[in-house]
Amino acid sequence: MSQFDADALERAAKAARELEKSRNVSAIMEMSKREQSVKKAEEERKKAEAEKERAAYQNQQERIRWEEQRKTMKQKQQEQMVRAECCVCQKPHLRGCSAACAACCAPA
């Protein structure tokens, strides 16, 4: 009769468990790497989105500044035009402004 070797069976079962563990570990490691890649990609996306929003905000602030400057210049031009006209008859000043239109706008 052949004799059954229990030790060999135990060694084979142990080797099978180790092999299964190593398969699980490699799968777990692979899954962990994928999760890290996904997290990194999400962080980079958020960072890029924040940078885009910051740039848009700066552009908006620059547009507002230029628009305010344009309005200020337009207002100054209008004020200069008003100062250049007589306060009574709205004709260009020939001399300094006075209360009576005839006095300031009449040719000398």
PDB file of N, CA and C in Angstrom:
ATOM      1  N   MET A   1       0.792  -1.172   0.000  1.00  0.00           N
ATOM      2  CA  MET A   1       0.000   0.000   0.000  1.00  0.00           C
ATOM      3  C   MET A   1       0.848   1.255   0.000  1.00  0.00           C
ATOM      4  N   SER A   2       0.286   2.329  -0.614  1.00  0.00           N
ATOM      5  CA  SER A   2       1.035   3.567  -0.589  1.00  0.00           C
ATOM      6  C   SER A   2       0.650   4.333   0.655  1.00  0.00           C
ATOM      7  N   GLN A   3       1.605   4.931   1.154  1.00  0.00           N
ATOM      8  CA  GLN A   3       1.399   5.654   2.397  1.00  0.00           C
ATOM      9  C   GLN A   3       1.068   7.121   2.078  1.00  0.00           C
ATOM     10  N   PHE A   4       0.045   7.647   2.746  1.00  0.00           N
ATOM     11  CA  PHE A   4      -0.383   9.021   2.536  1.00  0.00           C
ATOM     12  C   PHE A   4       0.525   9.949   3.338  1.00  0.00           C
ATOM     13  N   ASP A   5       1.041  11.006   2.650  1.00  0.00           N
ATOM     14  CA  ASP A   5       1.956  11.953   3.311  1.00  0.00           C
ATOM     15  C   ASP A   5       1.166  13.203   3.682  1.00  0.00           C
ATOM     16  N   ALA A   6       0.794  13.307   4.940  1.00  0.00           N
ATOM     17  CA  ALA A   6       0.011  14.437   5.436  1.00  0.00           C
ATOM     18  C   ALA A   6       0.828  15.724   5.410  1.00  0.00           C
ATOM     19  N   ASP A   7       2.114  15.606   5.653  1.00  0.00           N
ATOM     20  CA  ASP A   7       2.968  16.805   5.640  1.00  0.00           C
ATOM     21  C   ASP A   7       3.000  17.426   4.243  1.00  0.00           C
ATOM     22  N   ALA A   8       3.051  16.642   3.213  1.00  0.00           N
ATOM     23  CA  ALA A   8       3.076  17.148   1.845  1.00  0.00           C
ATOM     24  C   ALA A   8       1.759  17.849   1.536  1.00  0.00           C
ATOM     25  N   LEU A   9       0.654  17.280   2.002  1.00  0.00           N
ATOM     26  CA  LEU A   9      -0.648  17.899   1.785  1.00  0.00           C
ATOM     27  C   LEU A   9      -0.717  19.244   2.511  1.00  0.00           C
ATOM     28  N   GLU A  10      -0.205  19.306   3.721  1.00  0.00           N
ATOM     29  CA  GLU A  10      -0.198  20.560   4.481  1.00  0.00           C
ATOM     30  C   GLU A  10       0.659  21.613   3.782  1.00  0.00           C
ATOM     31  N   ARG A  11       1.816  21.185   3.285  1.00  0.00           N
ATOM     32  CA  ARG A  11       2.697  22.122   2.563  1.00  0.00           C
ATOM     33  C   ARG A  11       2.011  22.637   1.302  1.00  0.00           C
ATOM     34  N   ALA A  12       1.298  21.776   0.599  1.00  0.00           N
ATOM     35  CA  ALA A  12       0.588  22.188  -0.610  1.00  0.00           C
ATOM     36  C   ALA A  12      -0.537  23.151  -0.267  1.00  0.00           C
ATOM     37  N   ALA A  13      -1.252  22.908   0.821  1.00  0.00           N
ATOM     38  CA  ALA A  13      -2.335  23.803   1.236  1.00  0.00           C
ATOM     39  C   ALA A  13      -1.762  25.155   1.663  1.00  0.00           C
ATOM     40  N   LYS A  14      -0.643  25.126   2.376  1.00  0.00           N
ATOM     41  CA  LYS A  14      -0.010  26.367   2.814  1.00  0.00           C
ATOM     42  C   LYS A  14       0.463  27.173   1.597  1.00  0.00           C
ATOM     43  N   ALA A  15       1.058  26.487   0.644  1.00  0.00           N
ATOM     44  CA  ALA A  15       1.524  27.161  -0.564  1.00  0.00           C
ATOM     45  C   ALA A  15       0.339  27.768  -1.330  1.00  0.00           C
ATOM     46  N   ALA A  16      -0.790  27.052  -1.373  1.00  0.00           N
ATOM     47  CA  ALA A  16      -1.980  27.555  -2.056  1.00  0.00           C
ATOM     48  C   ALA A  16      -2.511  28.809  -1.348  1.00  0.00           C
ATOM     49  N   ARG A  17      -2.496  28.790   0.000  1.00  0.00           N
ATOM     50  CA  ARG A  17      -2.938  29.975   0.752  1.00  0.00           C
ATOM     51  C   ARG A  17      -2.003  31.154   0.501  1.00  0.00           C
ATOM     52  N   GLU A  18      -0.721  30.914   0.489  1.00  0.00           N
ATOM     53  CA  GLU A  18       0.257  31.980   0.231  1.00  0.00           C
ATOM     54  C   GLU A  18       0.067  32.557  -1.180  1.00  0.00           C
ATOM     55  N   LEU A  19      -0.155  31.672  -2.123  1.00  0.00           N
ATOM     56  CA  LEU A  19      -0.384  32.125  -3.490  1.00  0.00           C
ATOM     57  C   LEU A  19      -1.647  32.989  -3.573  1.00  0.00           C
ATOM     58  N   GLU A  20      -2.696  32.556  -2.906  1.00  0.00           N
ATOM     59  CA  GLU A  20      -3.944  33.318  -2.889  1.00  0.00           C
ATOM     60  C   GLU A  20      -3.727  34.671  -2.215  1.00  0.00           C
ATOM     61  N   LYS A  21      -2.995  34.675  -1.123  1.00  0.00           N
ATOM     62  CA  LYS A  21      -2.694  35.935  -0.439  1.00  0.00           C
ATOM     63  C   LYS A  21      -1.915  36.876  -1.348  1.00  0.00           C
ATOM     64  N   SER A  22      -0.941  36.347  -2.044  1.00  0.00           N
ATOM     65  CA  SER A  22      -0.133  37.194  -2.908  1.00  0.00           C
ATOM     66  C   SER A  22      -0.980  37.752  -4.062  1.00  0.00           C
ATOM     67  N   ARG A  23      -1.935  36.991  -4.548  1.00  0.00           N
ATOM     68  CA  ARG A  23      -2.842  37.490  -5.585  1.00  0.00           C
ATOM     69  C   ARG A  23      -3.700  38.617  -5.033  1.00  0.00           C
ATOM     70  N   ASN A  24      -4.209  38.432  -3.824  1.00  0.00           N
ATOM     71  CA  ASN A  24      -5.030  39.464  -3.197  1.00  0.00           C
ATOM     72  C   ASN A  24      -4.202  40.717  -2.919  1.00  0.00           C
ATOM     73  N   VAL A  25      -3.009  40.535  -2.446  1.00  0.00           N
ATOM     74  CA  VAL A  25      -2.162  41.687  -2.135  1.00  0.00           C
ATOM     75  C   VAL A  25      -1.871  42.475  -3.411  1.00  0.00           C
ATOM     76  N   SER A  26      -1.538  41.803  -4.478  1.00  0.00           N
ATOM     77  CA  SER A  26      -1.241  42.521  -5.715  1.00  0.00           C
ATOM     78  C   SER A  26      -2.491  43.235  -6.242  1.00  0.00           C
ATOM     79  N   ALA A  27      -3.657  42.594  -6.094  1.00  0.00           N
ATOM     80  CA  ALA A  27      -4.899  43.237  -6.519  1.00  0.00           C
ATOM     81  C   ALA A  27      -5.193  44.453  -5.641  1.00  0.00           C
ATOM     82  N   ILE A  28      -4.965  44.307  -4.354  1.00  0.00           N
ATOM     83  CA  ILE A  28      -5.190  45.419  -3.431  1.00  0.00           C
ATOM     84  C   ILE A  28      -4.220  46.561  -3.736  1.00  0.00           C
ATOM     85  N   MET A  29      -2.975  46.231  -3.995  1.00  0.00           N
ATOM     86  CA  MET A  29      -1.982  47.257  -4.324  1.00  0.00           C
ATOM     87  C   MET A  29      -2.369  47.971  -5.624  1.00  0.00           C
ATOM     88  N   GLU A  30      -2.813  47.219  -6.607  1.00  0.00           N
ATOM     89  CA  GLU A  30      -3.228  47.810  -7.875  1.00  0.00           C
ATOM     90  C   GLU A  30      -4.425  48.743  -7.668  1.00  0.00           C
ATOM     91  N   MET A  31      -5.381  48.294  -6.864  1.00  0.00           N
ATOM     92  CA  MET A  31      -6.549  49.115  -6.585  1.00  0.00           C
ATOM     93  C   MET A  31      -6.135  50.390  -5.834  1.00  0.00           C
ATOM     94  N   SER A  32      -5.224  50.260  -4.914  1.00  0.00           N
ATOM     95  CA  SER A  32      -4.730  51.415  -4.162  1.00  0.00           C
ATOM     96  C   SER A  32      -4.036  52.412  -5.090  1.00  0.00           C
ATOM     97  N   LYS A  33      -3.250  51.912  -6.028  1.00  0.00           N
ATOM     98  CA  LYS A  33      -2.582  52.792  -6.994  1.00  0.00           C
ATOM     99  C   LYS A  33      -3.597  53.546  -7.845  1.00  0.00           C
ATOM    100  N   ARG A  34      -4.640  52.844  -8.264  1.00  0.00           N
ATOM    101  CA  ARG A  34      -5.679  53.494  -9.067  1.00  0.00           C
ATOM    102  C   ARG A  34      -6.397  54.580  -8.263  1.00  0.00           C
ATOM    103  N   GLU A  35      -6.697  54.283  -7.003  1.00  0.00           N
ATOM    104  CA  GLU A  35      -7.354  55.271  -6.147  1.00  0.00           C
ATOM    105  C   GLU A  35      -6.475  56.510  -5.984  1.00  0.00           C
ATOM    106  N   GLN A  36      -5.173  56.304  -5.787  1.00  0.00           N
ATOM    107  CA  GLN A  36      -4.255  57.428  -5.658  1.00  0.00           C
ATOM    108  C   GLN A  36      -4.206  58.244  -6.944  1.00  0.00           C
ATOM    109  N   SER A  37      -4.210  57.559  -8.073  1.00  0.00           N
ATOM    110  CA  SER A  37      -4.206  58.259  -9.361  1.00  0.00           C
ATOM    111  C   SER A  37      -5.464  59.096  -9.541  1.00  0.00           C
ATOM    112  N   VAL A  38      -6.596  58.534  -9.144  1.00  0.00           N
ATOM    113  CA  VAL A  38      -7.867  59.242  -9.258  1.00  0.00           C
ATOM    114  C   VAL A  38      -7.860  60.474  -8.341  1.00  0.00           C
ATOM    115  N   LYS A  39      -7.384  60.293  -7.111  1.00  0.00           N
ATOM    116  CA  LYS A  39      -7.318  61.417  -6.169  1.00  0.00           C
ATOM    117  C   LYS A  39      -6.395  62.510  -6.691  1.00  0.00           C
ATOM    118  N   LYS A  40      -5.259  62.117  -7.216  1.00  0.00           N
ATOM    119  CA  LYS A  40      -4.300  63.097  -7.738  1.00  0.00           C
ATOM    120  C   LYS A  40      -4.908  63.851  -8.923  1.00  0.00           C
ATOM    121  N   ALA A  41      -5.567  63.127  -9.816  1.00  0.00           N
ATOM    122  CA  ALA A  41      -6.200  63.766 -10.968  1.00  0.00           C
ATOM    123  C   ALA A  41      -7.292  64.730 -10.512  1.00  0.00           C
ATOM    124  N   GLU A  42      -8.064  64.365  -9.498  1.00  0.00           N
ATOM    125  CA  GLU A  42      -9.113  65.238  -8.974  1.00  0.00           C
ATOM    126  C   GLU A  42      -8.508  66.494  -8.347  1.00  0.00           C
ATOM    127  N   GLU A  43      -7.424  66.336  -7.603  1.00  0.00           N
ATOM    128  CA  GLU A  43      -6.748  67.493  -7.004  1.00  0.00           C
ATOM    129  C   GLU A  43      -6.205  68.423  -8.086  1.00  0.00           C
ATOM    130  N   GLU A  44      -5.625  67.873  -9.117  1.00  0.00           N
ATOM    131  CA  GLU A  44      -5.108  68.681 -10.221  1.00  0.00           C
ATOM    132  C   GLU A  44      -6.234  69.403 -10.950  1.00  0.00           C
ATOM    133  N   ARG A  45      -7.363  68.730 -11.119  1.00  0.00           N
ATOM    134  CA  ARG A  45      -8.522  69.352 -11.754  1.00  0.00           C
ATOM    135  C   ARG A  45      -9.029  70.515 -10.911  1.00  0.00           C
ATOM    136  N   LYS A  46      -9.128  70.303  -9.597  1.00  0.00           N
ATOM    137  CA  LYS A  46      -9.583  71.365  -8.707  1.00  0.00           C
ATOM    138  C   LYS A  46      -8.605  72.533  -8.714  1.00  0.00           C
ATOM    139  N   LYS A  47      -7.320  72.233  -8.733  1.00  0.00           N
ATOM    140  CA  LYS A  47      -6.304  73.281  -8.754  1.00  0.00           C
ATOM    141  C   LYS A  47      -6.404  74.091 -10.049  1.00  0.00           C
ATOM    142  N   ALA A  48      -6.571  73.403 -11.170  1.00  0.00           N
ATOM    143  CA  ALA A  48      -6.709  74.085 -12.460  1.00  0.00           C
ATOM    144  C   ALA A  48      -7.980  74.937 -12.493  1.00  0.00           C
ATOM    145  N   GLU A  49      -9.063  74.419 -11.929  1.00  0.00           N
ATOM    146  CA  GLU A  49     -10.318  75.166 -11.890  1.00  0.00           C
ATOM    147  C   GLU A  49     -10.168  76.414 -11.019  1.00  0.00           C
ATOM    148  N   ALA A  50      -9.501  76.280  -9.884  1.00  0.00           N
ATOM    149  CA  ALA A  50      -9.282  77.436  -9.009  1.00  0.00           C
ATOM    150  C   ALA A  50      -8.422  78.485  -9.710  1.00  0.00           C
ATOM    151  N   GLU A  51      -7.416  78.049 -10.427  1.00  0.00           N
ATOM    152  CA  GLU A  51      -6.549  78.976 -11.166  1.00  0.00           C
ATOM    153  C   GLU A  51      -7.349  79.688 -12.262  1.00  0.00           C
ATOM    154  N   LYS A  52      -8.206  78.959 -12.928  1.00  0.00           N
ATOM    155  CA  LYS A  52      -9.044  79.545 -13.978  1.00  0.00           C
ATOM    156  C   LYS A  52      -9.983  80.595 -13.380  1.00  0.00           C
ATOM    157  N   GLU A  53     -10.584  80.280 -12.237  1.00  0.00           N
ATOM    158  CA  GLU A  53     -11.471  81.236 -11.577  1.00  0.00           C
ATOM    159  C   GLU A  53     -10.702  82.472 -11.117  1.00  0.00           C
ATOM    160  N   ARG A  54      -9.484  82.277 -10.614  1.00  0.00           N
ATOM    161  CA  ARG A  54      -8.662  83.399 -10.165  1.00  0.00           C
ATOM    162  C   ARG A  54      -8.325  84.310 -11.342  1.00  0.00           C
ATOM    163  N   ALA A  55      -7.961  83.712 -12.464  1.00  0.00           N
ATOM    164  CA  ALA A  55      -7.630  84.494 -13.655  1.00  0.00           C
ATOM    165  C   ALA A  55      -8.861  85.254 -14.165  1.00  0.00           C
ATOM    166  N   ALA A  56     -10.015  84.609 -14.136  1.00  0.00           N
ATOM    167  CA  ALA A  56     -11.251  85.271 -14.575  1.00  0.00           C
ATOM    168  C   ALA A  56     -11.578  86.440 -13.652  1.00  0.00           C
ATOM    169  N   TYR A  57     -11.379  86.250 -12.351  1.00  0.00           N
ATOM    170  CA  TYR A  57     -11.637  87.331 -11.384  1.00  0.00           C
ATOM    171  C   TYR A  57     -10.696  88.503 -11.644  1.00  0.00           C
ATOM    172  N   GLN A  58      -9.423  88.210 -11.873  1.00  0.00           N
ATOM    173  CA  GLN A  58      -8.463  89.273 -12.153  1.00  0.00           C
ATOM    174  C   GLN A  58      -8.822  90.008 -13.444  1.00  0.00           C
ATOM    175  N   ASN A  59      -9.229  89.285 -14.461  1.00  0.00           N
ATOM    176  CA  ASN A  59      -9.656  89.918 -15.718  1.00  0.00           C
ATOM    177  C   ASN A  59     -10.862  90.821 -15.489  1.00  0.00           C
ATOM    178  N   GLN A  60     -11.809  90.350 -14.703  1.00  0.00           N
ATOM    179  CA  GLN A  60     -12.994  91.144 -14.407  1.00  0.00           C
ATOM    180  C   GLN A  60     -12.607  92.422 -13.654  1.00  0.00           C
ATOM    181  N   GLN A  61     -11.722  92.294 -12.685  1.00  0.00           N
ATOM    182  CA  GLN A  61     -11.281  93.467 -11.927  1.00  0.00           C
ATOM    183  C   GLN A  61     -10.566  94.468 -12.837  1.00  0.00           C
ATOM    184  N   GLU A  62      -9.778  93.958 -13.758  1.00  0.00           N
ATOM    185  CA  GLU A  62      -9.067  94.827 -14.705  1.00  0.00           C
ATOM    186  C   GLU A  62     -10.061  95.547 -15.610  1.00  0.00           C
ATOM    187  N   ARG A  63     -11.071  94.831 -16.093  1.00  0.00           N
ATOM    188  CA  ARG A  63     -12.106  95.462 -16.927  1.00  0.00           C
ATOM    189  C   ARG A  63     -12.845  96.548 -16.156  1.00  0.00           C
ATOM    190  N   ILE A  64     -13.172  96.257 -14.906  1.00  0.00           N
ATOM    191  CA  ILE A  64     -13.867  97.241 -14.078  1.00  0.00           C
ATOM    192  C   ILE A  64     -12.993  98.473 -13.890  1.00  0.00           C
ATOM    193  N   ARG A  65     -11.713  98.275 -13.627  1.00  0.00           N
ATOM    194  CA  ARG A  65     -10.793  99.390 -13.423  1.00  0.00           C
ATOM    195  C   ARG A  65     -10.717 100.255 -14.685  1.00  0.00           C
ATOM    196  N   TRP A  66     -10.579  99.604 -15.845  1.00  0.00           N
ATOM    197  CA  TRP A  66     -10.500 100.352 -17.099  1.00  0.00           C
ATOM    198  C   TRP A  66     -11.809 101.070 -17.400  1.00  0.00           C
ATOM    199  N   GLU A  67     -12.932 100.439 -17.107  1.00  0.00           N
ATOM    200  CA  GLU A  67     -14.236 101.067 -17.341  1.00  0.00           C
ATOM    201  C   GLU A  67     -14.400 102.293 -16.435  1.00  0.00           C
ATOM    202  N   GLU A  68     -13.993 102.168 -15.179  1.00  0.00           N
ATOM    203  CA  GLU A  68     -14.065 103.308 -14.263  1.00  0.00           C
ATOM    204  C   GLU A  68     -13.150 104.440 -14.740  1.00  0.00           C
ATOM    205  N   GLN A  69     -11.990 104.083 -15.220  1.00  0.00           N
ATOM    206  CA  GLN A  69     -11.063 105.098 -15.730  1.00  0.00           C
ATOM    207  C   GLN A  69     -11.658 105.789 -16.963  1.00  0.00           C
ATOM    208  N   ARG A  70     -12.277 105.013 -17.838  1.00  0.00           N
ATOM    209  CA  ARG A  70     -12.904 105.587 -19.024  1.00  0.00           C
ATOM    210  C   ARG A  70     -14.039 106.529 -18.634  1.00  0.00           C
ATOM    211  N   LYS A  71     -14.864 106.122 -17.684  1.00  0.00           N
ATOM    212  CA  LYS A  71     -15.971 106.968 -17.230  1.00  0.00           C
ATOM    213  C   LYS A  71     -15.442 108.256 -16.608  1.00  0.00           C
ATOM    214  N   THR A  72     -14.387 108.146 -15.822  1.00  0.00           N
ATOM    215  CA  THR A  72     -13.798 109.327 -15.192  1.00  0.00           C
ATOM    216  C   THR A  72     -13.277 110.296 -16.248  1.00  0.00           C
ATOM    217  N   MET A  73     -12.592 109.777 -17.243  1.00  0.00           N
ATOM    218  CA  MET A  73     -12.067 110.635 -18.307  1.00  0.00           C
ATOM    219  C   MET A  73     -13.218 111.292 -19.085  1.00  0.00           C
ATOM    220  N   LYS A  74     -14.263 110.549 -19.355  1.00  0.00           N
ATOM    221  CA  LYS A  74     -15.415 111.100 -20.076  1.00  0.00           C
ATOM    222  C   LYS A  74     -16.068 112.210 -19.262  1.00  0.00           C
ATOM    223  N   GLN A  75     -16.206 111.977 -17.969  1.00  0.00           N
ATOM    224  CA  GLN A  75     -16.803 112.979 -17.102  1.00  0.00           C
ATOM    225  C   GLN A  75     -15.930 114.240 -17.059  1.00  0.00           C
ATOM    226  N   LYS A  76     -14.621 114.088 -16.971  1.00  0.00           N
ATOM    227  CA  LYS A  76     -13.716 115.241 -16.960  1.00  0.00           C
ATOM    228  C   LYS A  76     -13.833 116.029 -18.269  1.00  0.00           C
ATOM    229  N   GLN A  77     -13.944 115.326 -19.383  1.00  0.00           N
ATOM    230  CA  GLN A  77     -14.101 116.001 -20.672  1.00  0.00           C
ATOM    231  C   GLN A  77     -15.406 116.792 -20.709  1.00  0.00           C
ATOM    232  N   GLN A  78     -16.468 116.202 -20.202  1.00  0.00           N
ATOM    233  CA  GLN A  78     -17.756 116.894 -20.175  1.00  0.00           C
ATOM    234  C   GLN A  78     -17.684 118.129 -19.277  1.00  0.00           C
ATOM    235  N   GLU A  79     -17.023 117.981 -18.142  1.00  0.00           N
ATOM    236  CA  GLU A  79     -16.877 119.122 -17.239  1.00  0.00           C
ATOM    237  C   GLU A  79     -16.069 120.235 -17.897  1.00  0.00           C
ATOM    238  N   GLN A  80     -15.039 119.885 -18.625  1.00  0.00           N
ATOM    239  CA  GLN A  80     -14.236 120.884 -19.318  1.00  0.00           C
ATOM    240  C   GLN A  80     -15.058 121.588 -20.394  1.00  0.00           C
ATOM    241  N   MET A  81     -15.893 120.841 -21.082  1.00  0.00           N
ATOM    242  CA  MET A  81     -16.751 121.443 -22.105  1.00  0.00           C
ATOM    243  C   MET A  81     -17.750 122.403 -21.467  1.00  0.00           C
ATOM    244  N   VAL A  82     -18.306 122.029 -20.324  1.00  0.00           N
ATOM    245  CA  VAL A  82     -19.264 122.880 -19.646  1.00  0.00           C
ATOM    246  C   VAL A  82     -18.573 124.155 -19.170  1.00  0.00           C
ATOM    247  N   ARG A  83     -17.372 124.025 -18.644  1.00  0.00           N
ATOM    248  CA  ARG A  83     -16.638 125.203 -18.190  1.00  0.00           C
ATOM    249  C   ARG A  83     -16.297 126.130 -19.352  1.00  0.00           C
ATOM    250  N   ALA A  84     -16.157 125.567 -20.525  1.00  0.00           N
ATOM    251  CA  ALA A  84     -15.792 126.372 -21.686  1.00  0.00           C
ATOM    252  C   ALA A  84     -17.000 127.097 -22.270  1.00  0.00           C
ATOM    253  N   GLU A  85     -18.207 126.792 -21.791  1.00  0.00           N
ATOM    254  CA  GLU A  85     -19.403 127.456 -22.292  1.00  0.00           C
ATOM    255  C   GLU A  85     -19.898 128.480 -21.265  1.00  0.00           C
ATOM    256  N   CYS A  86     -20.562 129.479 -21.771  1.00  0.00           N
ATOM    257  CA  CYS A  86     -21.137 130.509 -20.912  1.00  0.00           C
ATOM    258  C   CYS A  86     -22.221 129.888 -20.049  1.00  0.00           C
ATOM    259  N   CYS A  87     -22.286 130.292 -18.826  1.00  0.00           N
ATOM    260  CA  CYS A  87     -23.273 129.723 -17.914  1.00  0.00           C
ATOM    261  C   CYS A  87     -24.695 130.185 -18.235  1.00  0.00           C
ATOM    262  N   VAL A  88     -24.867 131.227 -19.041  1.00  0.00           N
ATOM    263  CA  VAL A  88     -26.203 131.733 -19.352  1.00  0.00           C
ATOM    264  C   VAL A  88     -26.650 131.303 -20.750  1.00  0.00           C
ATOM    265  N   CYS A  89     -25.870 131.610 -21.779  1.00  0.00           N
ATOM    266  CA  CYS A  89     -26.325 131.360 -23.145  1.00  0.00           C
ATOM    267  C   CYS A  89     -25.742 130.095 -23.773  1.00  0.00           C
ATOM    268  N   GLN A  90     -24.881 129.392 -23.074  1.00  0.00           N
ATOM    269  CA  GLN A  90     -24.281 128.147 -23.533  1.00  0.00           C
ATOM    270  C   GLN A  90     -23.396 128.320 -24.768  1.00  0.00           C
ATOM    271  N   LYS A  91     -22.970 129.579 -25.046  1.00  0.00           N
ATOM    272  CA  LYS A  91     -22.038 129.834 -26.144  1.00  0.00           C
ATOM    273  C   LYS A  91     -20.626 129.767 -25.579  1.00  0.00           C
ATOM    274  N   PRO A  92     -19.654 129.554 -26.433  1.00  0.00           N
ATOM    275  CA  PRO A  92     -18.281 129.534 -25.926  1.00  0.00           C
ATOM    276  C   PRO A  92     -17.907 130.869 -25.299  1.00  0.00           C
ATOM    277  N   HIS A  93     -17.136 130.812 -24.245  1.00  0.00           N
ATOM    278  CA  HIS A  93     -16.677 132.026 -23.563  1.00  0.00           C
ATOM    279  C   HIS A  93     -15.733 132.817 -24.454  1.00  0.00           C
ATOM    280  N   LEU A  94     -15.946 134.110 -24.480  1.00  0.00           N
ATOM    281  CA  LEU A  94     -14.991 135.003 -25.125  1.00  0.00           C
ATOM    282  C   LEU A  94     -14.150 135.686 -24.060  1.00  0.00           C
ATOM    283  N   ARG A  95     -14.757 135.854 -22.911  1.00  0.00           N
ATOM    284  CA  ARG A  95     -14.078 136.425 -21.744  1.00  0.00           C
ATOM    285  C   ARG A  95     -14.502 135.633 -20.528  1.00  0.00           C
ATOM    286  N   GLY A  96     -14.128 136.031 -19.387  1.00  0.00           N
ATOM    287  CA  GLY A  96     -14.513 135.338 -18.154  1.00  0.00           C
ATOM    288  C   GLY A  96     -16.008 135.338 -17.942  1.00  0.00           C
ATOM    289  N   CYS A  97     -16.544 134.330 -17.264  1.00  0.00           N
ATOM    290  CA  CYS A  97     -17.981 134.192 -17.040  1.00  0.00           C
ATOM    291  C   CYS A  97     -18.471 135.253 -16.058  1.00  0.00           C
ATOM    292  N   SER A  98     -19.613 135.804 -16.389  1.00  0.00           N
ATOM    293  CA  SER A  98     -20.247 136.762 -15.474  1.00  0.00           C
ATOM    294  C   SER A  98     -21.724 136.445 -15.412  1.00  0.00           C
ATOM    295  N   ALA A  99     -22.424 137.148 -14.569  1.00  0.00           N
ATOM    296  CA  ALA A  99     -23.856 136.883 -14.392  1.00  0.00           C
ATOM    297  C   ALA A  99     -24.680 137.257 -15.606  1.00  0.00           C
ATOM    298  N   ALA A 100     -24.272 138.229 -16.341  1.00  0.00           N
ATOM    299  CA  ALA A 100     -25.048 138.671 -17.508  1.00  0.00           C
ATOM    300  C   ALA A 100     -24.421 138.153 -18.774  1.00  0.00           C
ATOM    301  N   CYS A 101     -25.214 137.487 -19.590  1.00  0.00           N
ATOM    302  CA  CYS A 101     -24.710 136.901 -20.847  1.00  0.00           C
ATOM    303  C   CYS A 101     -24.151 137.977 -21.763  1.00  0.00           C
ATOM    304  N   ALA A 102     -24.797 139.074 -21.854  1.00  0.00           N
ATOM    305  CA  ALA A 102     -24.336 140.132 -22.759  1.00  0.00           C
ATOM    306  C   ALA A 102     -22.952 140.605 -22.376  1.00  0.00           C
ATOM    307  N   ALA A 103     -22.663 140.616 -21.103  1.00  0.00           N
ATOM    308  CA  ALA A 103     -21.367 141.117 -20.652  1.00  0.00           C
ATOM    309  C   ALA A 103     -20.248 140.158 -20.995  1.00  0.00           C
ATOM    310  N   CYS A 104     -20.508 138.837 -20.914  1.00  0.00           N
ATOM    311  CA  CYS A 104     -19.404 137.886 -21.137  1.00  0.00           C
ATOM    312  C   CYS A 104     -19.325 137.394 -22.574  1.00  0.00           C
ATOM    313  N   CYS A 105     -20.406 137.454 -23.327  1.00  0.00           N
ATOM    314  CA  CYS A 105     -20.382 136.886 -24.658  1.00  0.00           C
ATOM    315  C   CYS A 105     -20.393 137.937 -25.774  1.00  0.00           C
ATOM    316  N   ALA A 106     -20.651 139.154 -25.431  1.00  0.00           N
ATOM    317  CA  ALA A 106     -20.698 140.197 -26.476  1.00  0.00           C
ATOM    318  C   ALA A 106     -19.283 140.501 -26.949  1.00  0.00           C
ATOM    319  N   PRO A 107     -19.090 140.570 -28.259  1.00  0.00           N
ATOM    320  CA  PRO A 107     -17.767 140.895 -28.744  1.00  0.00           C
ATOM    321  C   PRO A 107     -17.380 142.299 -28.304  1.00  0.00           C
ATOM    322  N   ALA A 108     -16.102 142.455 -28.087  1.00  0.00           N
ATOM    323  CA  ALA A 108     -15.610 143.751 -27.597  1.00  0.00           C
ATOM    324  C   ALA A 108     -15.567 144.783 -28.678  1.00  0.00           C
TER     325      ALA A 108
END
